[in-house]
Amino acid sequence: MLARFLPSVVEHSPEAQIVVADNGSADDSVAQVRALFPTVRVIELGSNFGFADGYNRALAQVDADYYILLNNDVEVTHGWIAPLLAQMEADEKVVACQPKILSYNNKNKFEYAGAAGGFIDCYGYPYCRGRLFDTVEGDCGQYDEPCRVFWATGAALMVRSSVFKNVGGFDAGFFAHMEEIDLCWRMLARGGDIMVVPASVVYHVGGATLAKSNPRKTYLNFRNNLLLLYKNLPTERLACVMRVRCLLDYVAAFKFLLTAGWGDFAAVVRARRDFRRMKKLYATAREENMRLSVAVPSMSGFSLLWQYYARGRKCFSQLPKNK
């Protein structure tokens, strides 16, 4: 991945210092980067701290006004940083933004992880402009206007370093998956804005580290989604949402059992068990989030499951408009 994609980053990012953070890899990645890309700084972390804490530990060693977090399976394009930087410089309230994310393997389609900016429905299910569940739209310029979003993808995320540090960075306990939604939720609740800037375009392979069909990914997605709801949902909504999610998660588990097999079924059951076990560890984080919140981020007022499966609405533009 580094050999394939790092050259585009070096070529098209003259305004940035490029840093590769190595999460304890066991191959010759570090030696290869040092040999082939002498201008790139390497930070060796020594162990696999996951996406979340790996970034926390690496960024603690980087002095910059802005960070751009970039997966190692992303091809960037000429001038991709300039629109992101211009957006951040033009409005101090904007604390993070993302480019338009298209698929590396089909460059006329959006990519699953982020597309043209993310939102979250009333029960905590994430979706994007350009992607609802497994339905990914072609890019016909329909989402080329910049807009405020609920979350920006961690695959290519520009964030103010001061804000990243002030909110505590990523939640290390997430390890990987949904940690960027949790981060964005905390930044929104403290009064920031998050944008998608489609004038910046990158191409993402997606699933290069952990395939979408891997039960480990299923486990992390379900567990971390519950954790981010518990951490961030206002008290008056928490109990109701969690009751509904308990039902929906077990429906999903039995659907997995019938279609995908035992591995994904067991992953969901284990995710719910571990969430119950971890809740007490997150009581203080929830208390802090509720105390420091100055705004209530705008979750969508509808159920995405209902819109997608019952109403047959497969595109973002078909969904009810948020108030």
C-alpha atoms as a PDB file:
ATOM      1  CA  MET A   1       0.000   0.000   0.000  1.00  0.00           C
ATOM      2  CA  LEU A   2       2.775   2.434   0.882  1.00  0.00           C
ATOM      3  CA  ALA A   3       4.689   1.611  -2.299  1.00  0.00           C
ATOM      4  CA  ARG A   4       1.552   2.169  -4.367  1.00  0.00           C
ATOM      5  CA  PHE A   5       0.076   5.265  -2.712  1.00  0.00           C
ATOM      6  CA  LEU A   6       2.786   7.186  -0.884  1.00  0.00           C
ATOM      7  CA  PRO A   7       4.273   8.523  -4.179  1.00  0.00           C
ATOM      8  CA  SER A   8       1.037  10.423  -4.935  1.00  0.00           C
ATOM      9  CA  VAL A   9       1.081  11.934  -1.445  1.00  0.00           C
ATOM     10  CA  VAL A  10       4.683  13.060  -1.836  1.00  0.00           C
ATOM     11  CA  GLU A  11       4.057  14.460  -5.315  1.00  0.00           C
ATOM     12  CA  HIS A  12       0.818  16.323  -4.586  1.00  0.00           C
ATOM     13  CA  SER A  13       1.406  17.597  -1.037  1.00  0.00           C
ATOM     14  CA  PRO A  14       4.224  20.171  -1.285  1.00  0.00           C
ATOM     15  CA  GLU A  15       2.714  22.345   1.455  1.00  0.00           C
ATOM     16  CA  ALA A  16       2.729  19.536   4.034  1.00  0.00           C
ATOM     17  CA  GLN A  17       5.260  17.695   6.141  1.00  0.00           C
ATOM     18  CA  ILE A  18       4.581  14.024   5.428  1.00  0.00           C
ATOM     19  CA  VAL A  19       4.775  11.591   8.322  1.00  0.00           C
ATOM     20  CA  VAL A  20       4.361   7.815   8.239  1.00  0.00           C
ATOM     21  CA  ALA A  21       3.390   6.354  11.613  1.00  0.00           C
ATOM     22  CA  ASP A  22       4.309   2.686  11.894  1.00  0.00           C
ATOM     23  CA  ASN A  23       2.031   0.703  14.204  1.00  0.00           C
ATOM     24  CA  GLY A  24       4.515  -2.048  15.009  1.00  0.00           C
ATOM     25  CA  SER A  25       4.611  -3.625  11.540  1.00  0.00           C
ATOM     26  CA  ALA A  26       6.460  -6.918  11.252  1.00  0.00           C
ATOM     27  CA  ASP A  27       7.584  -6.562   7.619  1.00  0.00           C
ATOM     28  CA  ASP A  28      10.131  -4.211   6.043  1.00  0.00           C
ATOM     29  CA  SER A  29       7.764  -1.229   5.677  1.00  0.00           C
ATOM     30  CA  VAL A  30       9.893   1.146   7.738  1.00  0.00           C
ATOM     31  CA  ALA A  31      13.122   0.288   5.914  1.00  0.00           C
ATOM     32  CA  GLN A  32      11.341   0.612   2.569  1.00  0.00           C
ATOM     33  CA  VAL A  33       9.940   4.053   3.370  1.00  0.00           C
ATOM     34  CA  ARG A  34      13.313   5.303   4.569  1.00  0.00           C
ATOM     35  CA  ALA A  35      15.038   3.978   1.468  1.00  0.00           C
ATOM     36  CA  LEU A  36      12.515   5.108  -1.137  1.00  0.00           C
ATOM     37  CA  PHE A  37      11.124   8.291   0.453  1.00  0.00           C
ATOM     38  CA  PRO A  38      13.970  10.116   2.222  1.00  0.00           C
ATOM     39  CA  THR A  39      11.893  13.299   2.688  1.00  0.00           C
ATOM     40  CA  VAL A  40       9.207  11.442   4.655  1.00  0.00           C
ATOM     41  CA  ARG A  41       9.446  11.408   8.433  1.00  0.00           C
ATOM     42  CA  VAL A  42       8.878   8.018  10.087  1.00  0.00           C
ATOM     43  CA  ILE A  43       7.503   7.615  13.606  1.00  0.00           C
ATOM     44  CA  GLU A  44       7.909   4.073  14.921  1.00  0.00           C
ATOM     45  CA  LEU A  45       5.383   3.239  17.640  1.00  0.00           C
ATOM     46  CA  GLY A  46       6.755  -0.235  18.406  1.00  0.00           C
ATOM     47  CA  SER A  47       3.387  -1.951  18.930  1.00  0.00           C
ATOM     48  CA  ASN A  48       0.002  -2.090  17.241  1.00  0.00           C
ATOM     49  CA  PHE A  49      -2.056   0.512  19.100  1.00  0.00           C
ATOM     50  CA  GLY A  50      -4.849   0.416  16.531  1.00  0.00           C
ATOM     51  CA  PHE A  51      -6.080   3.265  14.380  1.00  0.00           C
ATOM     52  CA  ALA A  52      -7.235   5.336  17.348  1.00  0.00           C
ATOM     53  CA  ASP A  53      -4.341   5.302  19.788  1.00  0.00           C
ATOM     54  CA  GLY A  54      -1.804   4.873  17.007  1.00  0.00           C
ATOM     55  CA  TYR A  55      -2.820   8.306  15.737  1.00  0.00           C
ATOM     56  CA  ASN A  56      -2.914   9.762  19.252  1.00  0.00           C
ATOM     57  CA  ARG A  57       0.646   8.640  19.950  1.00  0.00           C
ATOM     58  CA  ALA A  58       1.996   9.718  16.567  1.00  0.00           C
ATOM     59  CA  LEU A  59       0.310  13.136  16.533  1.00  0.00           C
ATOM     60  CA  ALA A  60       1.634  13.876  20.021  1.00  0.00           C
ATOM     61  CA  GLN A  61       5.030  13.973  18.290  1.00  0.00           C
ATOM     62  CA  VAL A  62       3.955  16.304  15.470  1.00  0.00           C
ATOM     63  CA  ASP A  63       3.982  20.091  15.803  1.00  0.00           C
ATOM     64  CA  ALA A  64       1.534  21.664  13.332  1.00  0.00           C
ATOM     65  CA  ASP A  65      -1.524  23.919  13.223  1.00  0.00           C
ATOM     66  CA  TYR A  66      -3.430  21.358  11.185  1.00  0.00           C
ATOM     67  CA  TYR A  67      -3.292  17.593  10.903  1.00  0.00           C
ATOM     68  CA  ILE A  68      -4.436  15.652   7.848  1.00  0.00           C
ATOM     69  CA  LEU A  69      -5.050  12.031   8.784  1.00  0.00           C
ATOM     70  CA  LEU A  70      -4.704   9.837   5.714  1.00  0.00           C
ATOM     71  CA  ASN A  71      -5.105   6.085   5.332  1.00  0.00           C
ATOM     72  CA  ASN A  72      -2.303   4.228   3.593  1.00  0.00           C
ATOM     73  CA  ASP A  73      -4.667   3.063   0.815  1.00  0.00           C
ATOM     74  CA  VAL A  74      -5.562   6.546  -0.474  1.00  0.00           C
ATOM     75  CA  GLU A  75      -4.438   8.099  -3.763  1.00  0.00           C
ATOM     76  CA  VAL A  76      -4.488  11.895  -3.598  1.00  0.00           C
ATOM     77  CA  THR A  77      -4.802  14.304  -6.532  1.00  0.00           C
ATOM     78  CA  HIS A  78      -3.117  17.502  -7.653  1.00  0.00           C
ATOM     79  CA  GLY A  79      -4.039  20.431  -5.404  1.00  0.00           C
ATOM     80  CA  TRP A  80      -6.043  18.314  -2.967  1.00  0.00           C
ATOM     81  CA  ILE A  81      -4.888  20.146   0.171  1.00  0.00           C
ATOM     82  CA  ALA A  82      -5.581  23.721  -0.973  1.00  0.00           C
ATOM     83  CA  PRO A  83      -9.435  23.589  -0.829  1.00  0.00           C
ATOM     84  CA  LEU A  84      -9.362  21.957   2.608  1.00  0.00           C
ATOM     85  CA  LEU A  85      -6.929  24.524   3.960  1.00  0.00           C
ATOM     86  CA  ALA A  86      -8.897  27.402   2.421  1.00  0.00           C
ATOM     87  CA  GLN A  87     -12.079  26.204   4.149  1.00  0.00           C
ATOM     88  CA  MET A  88     -10.351  25.982   7.522  1.00  0.00           C
ATOM     89  CA  GLU A  89      -8.675  29.366   7.116  1.00  0.00           C
ATOM     90  CA  ALA A  90     -11.905  31.072   6.014  1.00  0.00           C
ATOM     91  CA  ASP A  91     -13.977  30.039   9.045  1.00  0.00           C
ATOM     92  CA  GLU A  92     -12.489  29.540  12.492  1.00  0.00           C
ATOM     93  CA  LYS A  93     -15.617  27.694  13.601  1.00  0.00           C
ATOM     94  CA  VAL A  94     -14.826  24.850  11.184  1.00  0.00           C
ATOM     95  CA  VAL A  95     -12.758  22.414  13.233  1.00  0.00           C
ATOM     96  CA  ALA A  96     -12.499  19.551  10.726  1.00  0.00           C
ATOM     97  CA  CYS A  97     -13.225  18.761   7.095  1.00  0.00           C
ATOM     98  CA  GLN A  98     -12.852  16.005   4.539  1.00  0.00           C
ATOM     99  CA  PRO A  99     -12.453  15.793   0.757  1.00  0.00           C
ATOM    100  CA  LYS A 100     -14.804  13.973  -1.591  1.00  0.00           C
ATOM    101  CA  ILE A 101     -13.907  10.275  -1.312  1.00  0.00           C
ATOM    102  CA  LEU A 102     -14.215   8.263  -4.521  1.00  0.00           C
ATOM    103  CA  SER A 103     -13.447   4.592  -5.076  1.00  0.00           C
ATOM    104  CA  TYR A 104      -9.934   3.798  -6.261  1.00  0.00           C
ATOM    105  CA  ASN A 105     -11.237   0.704  -8.076  1.00  0.00           C
ATOM    106  CA  ASN A 106     -14.141   2.521  -9.750  1.00  0.00           C
ATOM    107  CA  LYS A 107     -13.350   6.194  -9.933  1.00  0.00           C
ATOM    108  CA  ASN A 108     -16.840   7.168 -11.071  1.00  0.00           C
ATOM    109  CA  LYS A 109     -18.376   5.937  -7.803  1.00  0.00           C
ATOM    110  CA  PHE A 110     -18.211   7.141  -4.234  1.00  0.00           C
ATOM    111  CA  GLU A 111     -16.265   5.091  -1.719  1.00  0.00           C
ATOM    112  CA  TYR A 112     -18.046   3.435   1.182  1.00  0.00           C
ATOM    113  CA  ALA A 113     -15.999   4.979   3.999  1.00  0.00           C
ATOM    114  CA  GLY A 114     -16.949   8.638   3.908  1.00  0.00           C
ATOM    115  CA  ALA A 115     -18.192   9.378   0.372  1.00  0.00           C
ATOM    116  CA  ALA A 116     -19.294  13.049   0.386  1.00  0.00           C
ATOM    117  CA  GLY A 117     -19.706  13.540   4.129  1.00  0.00           C
ATOM    118  CA  GLY A 118     -21.352  11.623   6.951  1.00  0.00           C
ATOM    119  CA  PHE A 119     -24.515  11.820   9.036  1.00  0.00           C
ATOM    120  CA  ILE A 120     -26.147   9.675  11.711  1.00  0.00           C
ATOM    121  CA  ASP A 121     -29.790   8.646  12.031  1.00  0.00           C
ATOM    122  CA  CYS A 122     -31.994   8.758  15.127  1.00  0.00           C
ATOM    123  CA  TYR A 123     -30.814   5.311  16.285  1.00  0.00           C
ATOM    124  CA  GLY A 124     -27.105   5.875  15.659  1.00  0.00           C
ATOM    125  CA  TYR A 125     -26.670   4.306  12.208  1.00  0.00           C
ATOM    126  CA  PRO A 126     -24.062   6.223  10.167  1.00  0.00           C
ATOM    127  CA  TYR A 127     -24.623   7.044   6.491  1.00  0.00           C
ATOM    128  CA  CYS A 128     -23.172   9.391   3.887  1.00  0.00           C
ATOM    129  CA  ARG A 129     -24.022  11.626   0.996  1.00  0.00           C
ATOM    130  CA  GLY A 130     -23.420   9.033  -1.705  1.00  0.00           C
ATOM    131  CA  ARG A 131     -23.714   5.869   0.446  1.00  0.00           C
ATOM    132  CA  LEU A 132     -26.593   4.359   2.413  1.00  0.00           C
ATOM    133  CA  PHE A 133     -25.733   1.005   3.994  1.00  0.00           C
ATOM    134  CA  ASP A 134     -24.309  -1.080   1.107  1.00  0.00           C
ATOM    135  CA  THR A 135     -25.750   1.074  -1.698  1.00  0.00           C
ATOM    136  CA  VAL A 136     -23.033   3.297  -3.150  1.00  0.00           C
ATOM    137  CA  GLU A 137     -23.956   5.949  -5.711  1.00  0.00           C
ATOM    138  CA  GLY A 138     -22.098   6.991  -8.824  1.00  0.00           C
ATOM    139  CA  ASP A 139     -20.581  10.462  -8.714  1.00  0.00           C
ATOM    140  CA  CYS A 140     -22.465  12.717 -11.119  1.00  0.00           C
ATOM    141  CA  GLY A 141     -21.614  15.958  -9.355  1.00  0.00           C
ATOM    142  CA  GLN A 142     -24.775  15.712  -7.246  1.00  0.00           C
ATOM    143  CA  TYR A 143     -22.880  16.369  -4.009  1.00  0.00           C
ATOM    144  CA  ASP A 144     -20.309  18.881  -5.222  1.00  0.00           C
ATOM    145  CA  GLU A 145     -21.497  21.670  -2.938  1.00  0.00           C
ATOM    146  CA  PRO A 146     -19.618  22.062   0.347  1.00  0.00           C
ATOM    147  CA  CYS A 147     -21.874  21.392   3.306  1.00  0.00           C
ATOM    148  CA  ARG A 148     -21.872  20.908   7.053  1.00  0.00           C
ATOM    149  CA  VAL A 149     -21.939  17.273   8.085  1.00  0.00           C
ATOM    150  CA  PHE A 150     -22.209  15.303  11.316  1.00  0.00           C
ATOM    151  CA  TRP A 151     -18.952  13.420  10.798  1.00  0.00           C
ATOM    152  CA  ALA A 152     -15.990  13.375   8.457  1.00  0.00           C
ATOM    153  CA  THR A 153     -14.193  10.185   7.571  1.00  0.00           C
ATOM    154  CA  GLY A 154     -10.944   9.225   9.249  1.00  0.00           C
ATOM    155  CA  ALA A 155      -9.674   7.926   5.888  1.00  0.00           C
ATOM    156  CA  ALA A 156      -8.853  11.537   4.911  1.00  0.00           C
ATOM    157  CA  LEU A 157      -9.547  13.958   7.751  1.00  0.00           C
ATOM    158  CA  MET A 158      -8.206  17.487   8.205  1.00  0.00           C
ATOM    159  CA  VAL A 159      -8.525  18.733  11.786  1.00  0.00           C
ATOM    160  CA  ARG A 160      -7.268  21.673  13.824  1.00  0.00           C
ATOM    161  CA  SER A 161      -4.537  20.291  16.050  1.00  0.00           C
ATOM    162  CA  SER A 162      -5.569  22.470  19.000  1.00  0.00           C
ATOM    163  CA  VAL A 163      -9.138  21.156  18.885  1.00  0.00           C
ATOM    164  CA  PHE A 164      -7.989  17.551  18.437  1.00  0.00           C
ATOM    165  CA  LYS A 165      -5.907  17.887  21.595  1.00  0.00           C
ATOM    166  CA  ASN A 166      -8.526  19.834  23.566  1.00  0.00           C
ATOM    167  CA  VAL A 167     -11.190  17.132  23.113  1.00  0.00           C
ATOM    168  CA  GLY A 168      -8.720  14.372  23.991  1.00  0.00           C
ATOM    169  CA  GLY A 169      -8.047  12.996  20.505  1.00  0.00           C
ATOM    170  CA  PHE A 170      -9.429   9.640  19.510  1.00  0.00           C
ATOM    171  CA  ASP A 171     -10.838   7.260  22.099  1.00  0.00           C
ATOM    172  CA  ALA A 172      -8.077   4.662  22.443  1.00  0.00           C
ATOM    173  CA  GLY A 173     -10.582   2.083  23.706  1.00  0.00           C
ATOM    174  CA  PHE A 174     -12.254   1.973  20.284  1.00  0.00           C
ATOM    175  CA  PHE A 175      -9.035   0.568  18.739  1.00  0.00           C
ATOM    176  CA  ALA A 176     -10.474   0.943  15.213  1.00  0.00           C
ATOM    177  CA  HIS A 177     -13.776   1.832  13.512  1.00  0.00           C
ATOM    178  CA  MET A 178     -16.171   4.673  14.377  1.00  0.00           C
ATOM    179  CA  GLU A 179     -13.541   6.504  16.400  1.00  0.00           C
ATOM    180  CA  GLU A 180     -13.795   9.421  13.939  1.00  0.00           C
ATOM    181  CA  ILE A 181     -17.572   9.663  14.461  1.00  0.00           C
ATOM    182  CA  ASP A 182     -17.020   9.778  18.210  1.00  0.00           C
ATOM    183  CA  LEU A 183     -14.340  12.462  17.751  1.00  0.00           C
ATOM    184  CA  CYS A 184     -16.581  14.534  15.464  1.00  0.00           C
ATOM    185  CA  TRP A 185     -19.524  14.213  17.861  1.00  0.00           C
ATOM    186  CA  ARG A 186     -17.409  15.598  20.703  1.00  0.00           C
ATOM    187  CA  MET A 187     -16.141  18.468  18.525  1.00  0.00           C
ATOM    188  CA  LEU A 188     -19.685  19.334  17.400  1.00  0.00           C
ATOM    189  CA  ALA A 189     -20.984  19.229  20.970  1.00  0.00           C
ATOM    190  CA  ARG A 190     -18.332  21.773  21.943  1.00  0.00           C
ATOM    191  CA  GLY A 191     -19.536  24.195  19.284  1.00  0.00           C
ATOM    192  CA  GLY A 192     -17.436  23.359  16.225  1.00  0.00           C
ATOM    193  CA  ASP A 193     -18.542  22.800  12.631  1.00  0.00           C
ATOM    194  CA  ILE A 194     -17.478  19.930  10.375  1.00  0.00           C
ATOM    195  CA  MET A 195     -17.487  20.279   6.602  1.00  0.00           C
ATOM    196  CA  VAL A 196     -17.094  18.260   3.438  1.00  0.00           C
ATOM    197  CA  VAL A 197     -15.156  20.128   0.732  1.00  0.00           C
ATOM    198  CA  PRO A 198     -15.806  18.317  -2.584  1.00  0.00           C
ATOM    199  CA  ALA A 199     -13.373  20.530  -4.524  1.00  0.00           C
ATOM    200  CA  SER A 200     -10.735  18.293  -2.945  1.00  0.00           C
ATOM    201  CA  VAL A 201     -10.827  14.749  -4.336  1.00  0.00           C
ATOM    202  CA  VAL A 202      -9.069  11.557  -3.233  1.00  0.00           C
ATOM    203  CA  TYR A 203      -9.456   7.889  -4.186  1.00  0.00           C
ATOM    204  CA  HIS A 204      -9.722   5.244  -1.471  1.00  0.00           C
ATOM    205  CA  VAL A 205      -9.343   1.475  -1.818  1.00  0.00           C
ATOM    206  CA  GLY A 206     -11.205   0.750   1.433  1.00  0.00           C
ATOM    207  CA  GLY A 207     -11.009  -2.413   3.515  1.00  0.00           C
ATOM    208  CA  ALA A 208      -7.301  -2.837   2.755  1.00  0.00           C
ATOM    209  CA  THR A 209      -6.444  -3.505   6.400  1.00  0.00           C
ATOM    210  CA  LEU A 210      -9.580  -5.367   7.492  1.00  0.00           C
ATOM    211  CA  ALA A 211     -12.000  -6.715   4.889  1.00  0.00           C
ATOM    212  CA  LYS A 212     -15.660  -5.779   5.183  1.00  0.00           C
ATOM    213  CA  SER A 213     -16.586  -9.475   5.473  1.00  0.00           C
ATOM    214  CA  ASN A 214     -14.290 -10.038   8.450  1.00  0.00           C
ATOM    215  CA  PRO A 215     -16.181 -10.792  11.712  1.00  0.00           C
ATOM    216  CA  ARG A 216     -13.581  -8.705  13.560  1.00  0.00           C
ATOM    217  CA  LYS A 217     -14.815  -5.650  11.626  1.00  0.00           C
ATOM    218  CA  THR A 218     -18.432  -6.576  12.446  1.00  0.00           C
ATOM    219  CA  TYR A 219     -17.532  -6.821  16.127  1.00  0.00           C
ATOM    220  CA  LEU A 220     -15.740  -3.458  16.245  1.00  0.00           C
ATOM    221  CA  ASN A 221     -18.467  -1.658  14.308  1.00  0.00           C
ATOM    222  CA  PHE A 222     -21.288  -2.900  16.569  1.00  0.00           C
ATOM    223  CA  ARG A 223     -19.398  -2.489  19.851  1.00  0.00           C
ATOM    224  CA  ASN A 224     -18.018   0.948  19.031  1.00  0.00           C
ATOM    225  CA  ASN A 225     -21.333   2.213  17.715  1.00  0.00           C
ATOM    226  CA  LEU A 226     -22.925   1.388  21.077  1.00  0.00           C
ATOM    227  CA  LEU A 227     -20.038   3.017  22.933  1.00  0.00           C
ATOM    228  CA  LEU A 228     -20.278   6.255  20.975  1.00  0.00           C
ATOM    229  CA  LEU A 229     -24.040   6.429  21.620  1.00  0.00           C
ATOM    230  CA  TYR A 230     -23.536   5.809  25.324  1.00  0.00           C
ATOM    231  CA  LYS A 231     -20.799   8.431  25.516  1.00  0.00           C
ATOM    232  CA  ASN A 232     -22.538  11.178  23.577  1.00  0.00           C
ATOM    233  CA  LEU A 233     -26.336  10.866  23.498  1.00  0.00           C
ATOM    234  CA  PRO A 234     -28.225  13.387  25.649  1.00  0.00           C
ATOM    235  CA  THR A 235     -29.678  11.776  28.772  1.00  0.00           C
ATOM    236  CA  GLU A 236     -33.309  12.290  27.753  1.00  0.00           C
ATOM    237  CA  ARG A 237     -32.776  10.153  24.626  1.00  0.00           C
ATOM    238  CA  LEU A 238     -30.297   7.542  25.814  1.00  0.00           C
ATOM    239  CA  ALA A 239     -32.588   4.915  27.387  1.00  0.00           C
ATOM    240  CA  CYS A 240     -35.089   4.890  24.507  1.00  0.00           C
ATOM    241  CA  VAL A 241     -32.428   4.646  21.803  1.00  0.00           C
ATOM    242  CA  MET A 242     -30.585   1.886  23.637  1.00  0.00           C
ATOM    243  CA  ARG A 243     -33.752  -0.200  24.028  1.00  0.00           C
ATOM    244  CA  VAL A 244     -34.500   0.048  20.314  1.00  0.00           C
ATOM    245  CA  ARG A 245     -30.895  -0.705  19.422  1.00  0.00           C
ATOM    246  CA  CYS A 246     -30.893  -3.841  21.568  1.00  0.00           C
ATOM    247  CA  LEU A 247     -33.800  -5.192  19.529  1.00  0.00           C
ATOM    248  CA  LEU A 248     -32.335  -4.114  16.176  1.00  0.00           C
ATOM    249  CA  ASP A 249     -28.893  -5.525  16.956  1.00  0.00           C
ATOM    250  CA  TYR A 250     -30.270  -8.974  17.710  1.00  0.00           C
ATOM    251  CA  VAL A 251     -32.385  -8.852  14.534  1.00  0.00           C
ATOM    252  CA  ALA A 252     -29.156  -8.068  12.661  1.00  0.00           C
ATOM    253  CA  ALA A 253     -27.372 -10.923  14.453  1.00  0.00           C
ATOM    254  CA  PHE A 254     -29.954 -13.505  13.362  1.00  0.00           C
ATOM    255  CA  LYS A 255     -29.942 -12.101   9.830  1.00  0.00           C
ATOM    256  CA  PHE A 256     -26.161 -12.641   9.813  1.00  0.00           C
ATOM    257  CA  LEU A 257     -26.696 -16.199  11.045  1.00  0.00           C
ATOM    258  CA  LEU A 258     -28.998 -16.920   8.105  1.00  0.00           C
ATOM    259  CA  THR A 259     -26.923 -15.177   5.436  1.00  0.00           C
ATOM    260  CA  ALA A 260     -23.302 -14.692   6.468  1.00  0.00           C
ATOM    261  CA  GLY A 261     -22.774 -17.509   8.924  1.00  0.00           C
ATOM    262  CA  TRP A 262     -21.827 -18.067  12.520  1.00  0.00           C
ATOM    263  CA  GLY A 263     -18.844 -15.678  12.618  1.00  0.00           C
ATOM    264  CA  ASP A 264     -20.796 -12.440  12.178  1.00  0.00           C
ATOM    265  CA  PHE A 265     -23.619 -13.651  14.432  1.00  0.00           C
ATOM    266  CA  ALA A 266     -21.136 -14.368  17.218  1.00  0.00           C
ATOM    267  CA  ALA A 267     -19.426 -11.016  16.584  1.00  0.00           C
ATOM    268  CA  VAL A 268     -22.651  -9.087  17.253  1.00  0.00           C
ATOM    269  CA  VAL A 269     -23.453 -11.095  20.394  1.00  0.00           C
ATOM    270  CA  ARG A 270     -19.909 -10.562  21.676  1.00  0.00           C
ATOM    271  CA  ALA A 271     -20.052  -6.848  20.818  1.00  0.00           C
ATOM    272  CA  ARG A 272     -23.172  -6.378  22.927  1.00  0.00           C
ATOM    273  CA  ARG A 273     -21.686  -8.399  25.786  1.00  0.00           C
ATOM    274  CA  ASP A 274     -18.474  -6.368  25.748  1.00  0.00           C
ATOM    275  CA  PHE A 275     -20.404  -3.111  25.532  1.00  0.00           C
ATOM    276  CA  ARG A 276     -22.262  -4.015  28.733  1.00  0.00           C
ATOM    277  CA  ARG A 277     -18.942  -4.845  30.374  1.00  0.00           C
ATOM    278  CA  MET A 278     -17.275  -1.618  29.197  1.00  0.00           C
ATOM    279  CA  LYS A 279     -20.118   0.762  30.078  1.00  0.00           C
ATOM    280  CA  LYS A 280     -18.902   1.318  33.609  1.00  0.00           C
ATOM    281  CA  LEU A 281     -15.459   2.216  32.255  1.00  0.00           C
ATOM    282  CA  TYR A 282     -17.065   4.973  30.183  1.00  0.00           C
ATOM    283  CA  ALA A 283     -19.231   6.535  32.881  1.00  0.00           C
ATOM    284  CA  THR A 284     -16.677   9.277  33.537  1.00  0.00           C
ATOM    285  CA  ALA A 285     -16.228  10.020  29.815  1.00  0.00           C
ATOM    286  CA  ARG A 286     -20.007  10.334  29.415  1.00  0.00           C
ATOM    287  CA  GLU A 287     -20.223  12.623  32.436  1.00  0.00           C
ATOM    288  CA  GLU A 288     -17.490  14.838  31.003  1.00  0.00           C
ATOM    289  CA  ASN A 289     -19.109  14.984  27.561  1.00  0.00           C
ATOM    290  CA  MET A 290     -22.451  16.017  29.033  1.00  0.00           C
ATOM    291  CA  ARG A 291     -20.767  18.672  31.198  1.00  0.00           C
ATOM    292  CA  LEU A 292     -18.657  20.192  28.414  1.00  0.00           C
ATOM    293  CA  SER A 293     -21.319  20.158  25.693  1.00  0.00           C
ATOM    294  CA  VAL A 294     -22.458  23.608  24.566  1.00  0.00           C
ATOM    295  CA  ALA A 295     -24.551  22.388  21.626  1.00  0.00           C
ATOM    296  CA  VAL A 296     -26.649  19.342  20.783  1.00  0.00           C
ATOM    297  CA  PRO A 297     -25.417  17.953  17.429  1.00  0.00           C
ATOM    298  CA  SER A 298     -28.200  17.414  14.946  1.00  0.00           C
ATOM    299  CA  MET A 299     -28.836  13.707  14.456  1.00  0.00           C
ATOM    300  CA  SER A 300     -31.285  12.939  11.678  1.00  0.00           C
ATOM    301  CA  GLY A 301     -34.871  12.808  12.832  1.00  0.00           C
ATOM    302  CA  PHE A 302     -35.708   9.574  11.016  1.00  0.00           C
ATOM    303  CA  SER A 303     -34.815   5.885  11.068  1.00  0.00           C
ATOM    304  CA  LEU A 304     -32.491   5.008   8.209  1.00  0.00           C
ATOM    305  CA  LEU A 305     -33.565   1.354   8.444  1.00  0.00           C
ATOM    306  CA  TRP A 306     -37.173   2.345   7.852  1.00  0.00           C
ATOM    307  CA  GLN A 307     -36.342   4.689   4.996  1.00  0.00           C
ATOM    308  CA  TYR A 308     -34.026   2.196   3.298  1.00  0.00           C
ATOM    309  CA  TYR A 309     -35.813  -1.128   3.745  1.00  0.00           C
ATOM    310  CA  ALA A 310     -39.479  -0.150   4.156  1.00  0.00           C
ATOM    311  CA  ARG A 311     -39.643   2.945   1.945  1.00  0.00           C
ATOM    312  CA  GLY A 312     -37.067   1.774  -0.603  1.00  0.00           C
ATOM    313  CA  ARG A 313     -35.064   4.988  -0.462  1.00  0.00           C
ATOM    314  CA  LYS A 314     -31.567   4.008  -1.543  1.00  0.00           C
ATOM    315  CA  CYS A 315     -30.042   7.444  -2.259  1.00  0.00           C
ATOM    316  CA  PHE A 316     -29.224  10.293   0.100  1.00  0.00           C
ATOM    317  CA  SER A 317     -31.252  12.742  -2.000  1.00  0.00           C
ATOM    318  CA  GLN A 318     -34.396  10.623  -1.402  1.00  0.00           C
ATOM    319  CA  LEU A 319     -34.189  10.895   2.393  1.00  0.00           C
ATOM    320  CA  PRO A 320     -36.293  13.371   4.380  1.00  0.00           C
ATOM    321  CA  LYS A 321     -34.525  16.691   4.795  1.00  0.00           C
ATOM    322  CA  ASN A 322     -33.093  17.422   8.204  1.00  0.00           C
ATOM    323  CA  LYS A 323     -34.752  20.357   9.937  1.00  0.00           C
END
